[in-house]
Amino acid sequence: MTYNNTLSPQRLETLQALHAQAVEASQNAGQLVGKQQDILRTAQAKLAQLESYAAQYREQIQTLGTAGTAWSQVRDLRGFVDRIESAITAQKVELNRQQLILTELMGQWTAARQREKAFEVLIDQHQAQKRQGQKASALKNLQEWAVRRASQFLPSSQQRSDF
C-alpha cells in the first residue's frame, strides 16, 4: 500500500486535530513536571531541615558532654539524633525516588513536545505544498492567458483552431 500525500482539506483537518491533541498532552505533561518539581523542592527542603536539626543536636551533645551533664541525658539526646539520622536516610531515599519520577516525567514531556512540533512541521509542509500548488495553477492560468492573447495577433492562417 502506498501513501497518498494528496492535498486534501480532510488531511489538514486531521493534522490540526492531532496537533491540538499533542498540544494538550504537552501542556498536561508540563503541568505534571511543574508539580513534580514542587514536590522535589519540598523534599529537598525537608532534607535540609532534618540535616540542620541533626547538626544542632550534635552540637548540643558536644556542649552537654563538656559541661558534665548526666550520662542518661546525653544518651537520650544521642538516641534522638540517631532517629533524626534515620529520618535523613529515609528522606534521601525519598528524594532519589522523587528525582527519578521527575526524570521520567521530563522524558514524557519532551516526547509530547516533539510530537507537537512534528505536527507543526507537517501542517507547515501541507500549507507550503498548498501554496506551491496555488502558484503552479496561477502560473498555468497566466501562461494560458498569454498564449490566447498572443494568438489574437497571429494571422488567421496561423491561428489555432479548437474545433
C-alpha atoms as a PDB file:
ATOM      1  CA  MET A   1       0.000   0.000   0.000  1.00  0.00           C
ATOM      2  CA  THR A   2       1.392   3.351  -0.979  1.00  0.00           C
ATOM      3  CA  TYR A   3       0.970   6.539   0.969  1.00  0.00           C
ATOM      4  CA  ASN A   4      -1.251   9.127  -0.687  1.00  0.00           C
ATOM      5  CA  ASN A   5       0.234  12.522   0.003  1.00  0.00           C
ATOM      6  CA  THR A   6      -2.514  14.497  -1.712  1.00  0.00           C
ATOM      7  CA  LEU A   7      -3.511  17.901  -0.509  1.00  0.00           C
ATOM      8  CA  SER A   8      -6.970  17.448   0.919  1.00  0.00           C
ATOM      9  CA  PRO A   9      -8.846  19.575   3.415  1.00  0.00           C
ATOM     10  CA  GLN A  10      -9.540  16.407   5.429  1.00  0.00           C
ATOM     11  CA  ARG A  11      -5.821  15.750   5.760  1.00  0.00           C
ATOM     12  CA  LEU A  12      -5.227  19.268   7.052  1.00  0.00           C
ATOM     13  CA  GLU A  13      -8.148  18.958   9.473  1.00  0.00           C
ATOM     14  CA  THR A  14      -6.787  15.639  10.720  1.00  0.00           C
ATOM     15  CA  LEU A  15      -3.309  17.116  11.188  1.00  0.00           C
ATOM     16  CA  GLN A  16      -4.765  20.091  13.036  1.00  0.00           C
ATOM     17  CA  ALA A  17      -6.859  17.850  15.301  1.00  0.00           C
ATOM     18  CA  LEU A  18      -3.831  15.673  16.065  1.00  0.00           C
ATOM     19  CA  HIS A  19      -1.772  18.788  16.710  1.00  0.00           C
ATOM     20  CA  ALA A  20      -4.390  20.077  19.157  1.00  0.00           C
ATOM     21  CA  GLN A  21      -4.287  16.735  20.981  1.00  0.00           C
ATOM     22  CA  ALA A  22      -0.485  16.862  21.056  1.00  0.00           C
ATOM     23  CA  VAL A  23      -0.575  20.427  22.433  1.00  0.00           C
ATOM     24  CA  GLU A  24      -2.961  19.334  25.180  1.00  0.00           C
ATOM     25  CA  ALA A  25      -0.821  16.309  26.028  1.00  0.00           C
ATOM     26  CA  SER A  26       2.279  18.505  26.111  1.00  0.00           C
ATOM     27  CA  GLN A  27       0.600  21.030  28.400  1.00  0.00           C
ATOM     28  CA  ASN A  28      -0.628  18.279  30.723  1.00  0.00           C
ATOM     29  CA  ALA A  29       2.829  16.721  30.831  1.00  0.00           C
ATOM     30  CA  GLY A  30       4.332  20.150  31.512  1.00  0.00           C
ATOM     31  CA  GLN A  31       1.958  20.681  34.415  1.00  0.00           C
ATOM     32  CA  LEU A  32       2.901  17.296  35.857  1.00  0.00           C
ATOM     33  CA  VAL A  33       6.580  18.228  35.558  1.00  0.00           C
ATOM     34  CA  GLY A  34       5.901  21.503  37.390  1.00  0.00           C
ATOM     35  CA  LYS A  35       4.054  19.730  40.189  1.00  0.00           C
ATOM     36  CA  GLN A  36       6.817  17.154  40.475  1.00  0.00           C
ATOM     37  CA  GLN A  37       9.429  19.915  40.657  1.00  0.00           C
ATOM     38  CA  ASP A  38       7.461  21.413  43.555  1.00  0.00           C
ATOM     39  CA  ILE A  39       7.364  18.013  45.287  1.00  0.00           C
ATOM     40  CA  LEU A  40      11.109  17.636  44.746  1.00  0.00           C
ATOM     41  CA  ARG A  41      11.833  21.109  46.159  1.00  0.00           C
ATOM     42  CA  THR A  42       9.698  20.303  49.207  1.00  0.00           C
ATOM     43  CA  ALA A  43      11.593  17.043  49.724  1.00  0.00           C
ATOM     44  CA  GLN A  44      14.917  18.882  49.395  1.00  0.00           C
ATOM     45  CA  ALA A  45      13.815  21.499  51.921  1.00  0.00           C
ATOM     46  CA  LYS A  46      12.726  18.764  54.333  1.00  0.00           C
ATOM     47  CA  LEU A  47      16.110  17.054  53.982  1.00  0.00           C
ATOM     48  CA  ALA A  48      17.922  20.331  54.602  1.00  0.00           C
ATOM     49  CA  GLN A  49      15.773  20.943  57.667  1.00  0.00           C
ATOM     50  CA  LEU A  50      16.471  17.462  59.059  1.00  0.00           C
ATOM     51  CA  GLU A  51      20.204  17.891  58.462  1.00  0.00           C
ATOM     52  CA  SER A  52      20.078  21.237  60.230  1.00  0.00           C
ATOM     53  CA  TYR A  53      18.296  19.679  63.217  1.00  0.00           C
ATOM     54  CA  ALA A  54      20.837  16.864  63.374  1.00  0.00           C
ATOM     55  CA  ALA A  55      23.716  19.364  63.321  1.00  0.00           C
ATOM     56  CA  GLN A  56      22.106  21.427  66.106  1.00  0.00           C
ATOM     57  CA  TYR A  57      21.554  18.396  68.324  1.00  0.00           C
ATOM     58  CA  ARG A  58      25.064  17.067  67.679  1.00  0.00           C
ATOM     59  CA  GLU A  59      26.382  20.430  68.791  1.00  0.00           C
ATOM     60  CA  GLN A  60      24.172  20.240  71.861  1.00  0.00           C
ATOM     61  CA  ILE A  61      25.560  16.770  72.660  1.00  0.00           C
ATOM     62  CA  GLN A  62      29.108  18.150  72.491  1.00  0.00           C
ATOM     63  CA  THR A  63      28.166  21.022  74.758  1.00  0.00           C
ATOM     64  CA  LEU A  64      26.496  18.704  77.258  1.00  0.00           C
ATOM     65  CA  GLY A  65      29.467  16.343  77.200  1.00  0.00           C
ATOM     66  CA  THR A  66      31.916  19.101  78.086  1.00  0.00           C
ATOM     67  CA  ALA A  67      29.598  20.575  80.718  1.00  0.00           C
ATOM     68  CA  GLY A  68      29.486  17.366  82.707  1.00  0.00           C
ATOM     69  CA  THR A  69      25.802  16.629  82.190  1.00  0.00           C
ATOM     70  CA  ALA A  70      24.330  13.329  83.294  1.00  0.00           C
ATOM     71  CA  TRP A  71      25.160  10.413  81.032  1.00  0.00           C
ATOM     72  CA  SER A  72      21.484   9.442  80.671  1.00  0.00           C
ATOM     73  CA  GLN A  73      20.651  12.865  79.215  1.00  0.00           C
ATOM     74  CA  VAL A  74      23.473  12.594  76.676  1.00  0.00           C
ATOM     75  CA  ARG A  75      22.386   9.017  75.823  1.00  0.00           C
ATOM     76  CA  ASP A  76      18.769  10.130  75.282  1.00  0.00           C
ATOM     77  CA  LEU A  77      19.916  13.007  73.077  1.00  0.00           C
ATOM     78  CA  ARG A  78      22.133  10.634  71.057  1.00  0.00           C
ATOM     79  CA  GLY A  79      19.139   8.333  70.574  1.00  0.00           C
ATOM     80  CA  PHE A  80      17.141  11.299  69.318  1.00  0.00           C
ATOM     81  CA  VAL A  81      19.938  12.256  66.911  1.00  0.00           C
ATOM     82  CA  ASP A  82      20.015   8.629  65.695  1.00  0.00           C
ATOM     83  CA  ARG A  83      16.290   8.867  64.919  1.00  0.00           C
ATOM     84  CA  ILE A  84      16.913  12.104  63.047  1.00  0.00           C
ATOM     85  CA  GLU A  85      19.720  10.373  61.119  1.00  0.00           C
ATOM     86  CA  SER A  86      17.294   7.573  60.217  1.00  0.00           C
ATOM     87  CA  ALA A  87      14.827  10.179  59.032  1.00  0.00           C
ATOM     88  CA  ILE A  88      17.596  11.800  56.969  1.00  0.00           C
ATOM     89  CA  THR A  89      18.394   8.453  55.344  1.00  0.00           C
ATOM     90  CA  ALA A  90      14.707   7.858  54.597  1.00  0.00           C
ATOM     91  CA  GLN A  91      14.380  11.378  53.214  1.00  0.00           C
ATOM     92  CA  LYS A  92      17.388  10.841  50.920  1.00  0.00           C
ATOM     93  CA  VAL A  93      15.718   7.695  49.572  1.00  0.00           C
ATOM     94  CA  GLU A  94      12.505   9.659  49.051  1.00  0.00           C
ATOM     95  CA  LEU A  95      14.433  12.477  47.377  1.00  0.00           C
ATOM     96  CA  ASN A  96      16.046   9.997  44.957  1.00  0.00           C
ATOM     97  CA  ARG A  97      12.626   8.480  44.218  1.00  0.00           C
ATOM     98  CA  GLN A  98      11.131  11.895  43.521  1.00  0.00           C
ATOM     99  CA  GLN A  99      14.097  12.745  41.274  1.00  0.00           C
ATOM    100  CA  LEU A 100      13.524   9.552  39.265  1.00  0.00           C
ATOM    101  CA  ILE A 101       9.852  10.428  38.879  1.00  0.00           C
ATOM    102  CA  LEU A 102      10.821  13.905  37.690  1.00  0.00           C
ATOM    103  CA  THR A 103      13.267  12.450  35.173  1.00  0.00           C
ATOM    104  CA  GLU A 104      10.568  10.137  33.820  1.00  0.00           C
ATOM    105  CA  LEU A 105       8.020  12.956  33.605  1.00  0.00           C
ATOM    106  CA  MET A 106      10.561  15.183  31.843  1.00  0.00           C
ATOM    107  CA  GLY A 107      11.075  12.425  29.282  1.00  0.00           C
ATOM    108  CA  GLN A 108       7.328  12.156  28.736  1.00  0.00           C
ATOM    109  CA  TRP A 109       7.026  15.924  28.404  1.00  0.00           C
ATOM    110  CA  THR A 110       9.917  16.014  25.928  1.00  0.00           C
ATOM    111  CA  ALA A 111       8.303  13.273  23.827  1.00  0.00           C
ATOM    112  CA  ALA A 112       4.972  15.121  23.877  1.00  0.00           C
ATOM    113  CA  ARG A 113       6.669  18.371  22.814  1.00  0.00           C
ATOM    114  CA  GLN A 114       8.485  16.584  20.000  1.00  0.00           C
ATOM    115  CA  ARG A 115       5.191  15.143  18.780  1.00  0.00           C
ATOM    116  CA  GLU A 116       3.597  18.586  18.952  1.00  0.00           C
ATOM    117  CA  LYS A 117       6.458  20.094  16.946  1.00  0.00           C
ATOM    118  CA  ALA A 118       6.294  17.241  14.410  1.00  0.00           C
ATOM    119  CA  PHE A 119       2.629  18.008  13.743  1.00  0.00           C
ATOM    120  CA  GLU A 120       3.505  21.678  13.358  1.00  0.00           C
ATOM    121  CA  VAL A 121       6.086  20.733  10.740  1.00  0.00           C
ATOM    122  CA  LEU A 122       3.569  18.521   8.915  1.00  0.00           C
ATOM    123  CA  ILE A 123       0.966  21.300   8.936  1.00  0.00           C
ATOM    124  CA  ASP A 124       3.560  23.790   7.649  1.00  0.00           C
ATOM    125  CA  GLN A 125       4.591  21.353   4.901  1.00  0.00           C
ATOM    126  CA  HIS A 126       0.952  20.804   3.942  1.00  0.00           C
ATOM    127  CA  GLN A 127       0.351  24.537   3.752  1.00  0.00           C
ATOM    128  CA  ALA A 128       3.566  25.056   1.764  1.00  0.00           C
ATOM    129  CA  GLN A 129       2.504  22.351  -0.712  1.00  0.00           C
ATOM    130  CA  LYS A 130      -0.891  24.014  -0.992  1.00  0.00           C
ATOM    131  CA  ARG A 131       0.730  27.387  -1.684  1.00  0.00           C
ATOM    132  CA  GLN A 132       3.045  25.758  -4.233  1.00  0.00           C
ATOM    133  CA  GLY A 133       0.032  24.186  -5.953  1.00  0.00           C
ATOM    134  CA  GLN A 134      -1.748  27.522  -5.999  1.00  0.00           C
ATOM    135  CA  LYS A 135       1.332  29.196  -7.508  1.00  0.00           C
ATOM    136  CA  ALA A 136       1.621  26.486 -10.155  1.00  0.00           C
ATOM    137  CA  SER A 137      -2.084  26.838 -11.001  1.00  0.00           C
ATOM    138  CA  ALA A 138      -1.785  30.617 -11.217  1.00  0.00           C
ATOM    139  CA  LEU A 139       1.283  30.298 -13.467  1.00  0.00           C
ATOM    140  CA  LYS A 140      -0.539  27.814 -15.721  1.00  0.00           C
ATOM    141  CA  ASN A 141      -3.531  30.167 -15.958  1.00  0.00           C
ATOM    142  CA  LEU A 142      -1.218  33.064 -16.753  1.00  0.00           C
ATOM    143  CA  GLN A 143       0.563  31.059 -19.449  1.00  0.00           C
ATOM    144  CA  GLU A 144      -2.757  30.011 -20.990  1.00  0.00           C
ATOM    145  CA  TRP A 145      -3.917  33.589 -20.973  1.00  0.00           C
ATOM    146  CA  ALA A 146      -0.660  34.718 -22.584  1.00  0.00           C
ATOM    147  CA  VAL A 147      -0.976  32.086 -25.313  1.00  0.00           C
ATOM    148  CA  ARG A 148      -4.596  33.115 -26.030  1.00  0.00           C
ATOM    149  CA  ARG A 149      -3.606  36.754 -26.001  1.00  0.00           C
ATOM    150  CA  ALA A 150      -0.668  36.164 -28.361  1.00  0.00           C
ATOM    151  CA  SER A 151      -2.804  34.116 -30.728  1.00  0.00           C
ATOM    152  CA  GLN A 152      -5.034  37.142 -31.265  1.00  0.00           C
ATOM    153  CA  PHE A 153      -2.187  38.871 -33.011  1.00  0.00           C
ATOM    154  CA  LEU A 154      -1.299  35.984 -35.359  1.00  0.00           C
ATOM    155  CA  PRO A 155      -2.546  35.996 -38.915  1.00  0.00           C
ATOM    156  CA  SER A 156      -5.737  33.974 -39.319  1.00  0.00           C
ATOM    157  CA  SER A 157      -3.887  31.219 -41.206  1.00  0.00           C
ATOM    158  CA  GLN A 158      -1.595  30.603 -38.192  1.00  0.00           C
ATOM    159  CA  GLN A 159      -4.293  30.763 -35.521  1.00  0.00           C
ATOM    160  CA  ARG A 160      -5.045  27.596 -33.708  1.00  0.00           C
ATOM    161  CA  SER A 161      -8.410  26.029 -34.187  1.00  0.00           C
ATOM    162  CA  ASP A 162     -10.013  24.353 -31.196  1.00  0.00           C
ATOM    163  CA  PHE A 163     -12.780  22.762 -33.324  1.00  0.00           C
END
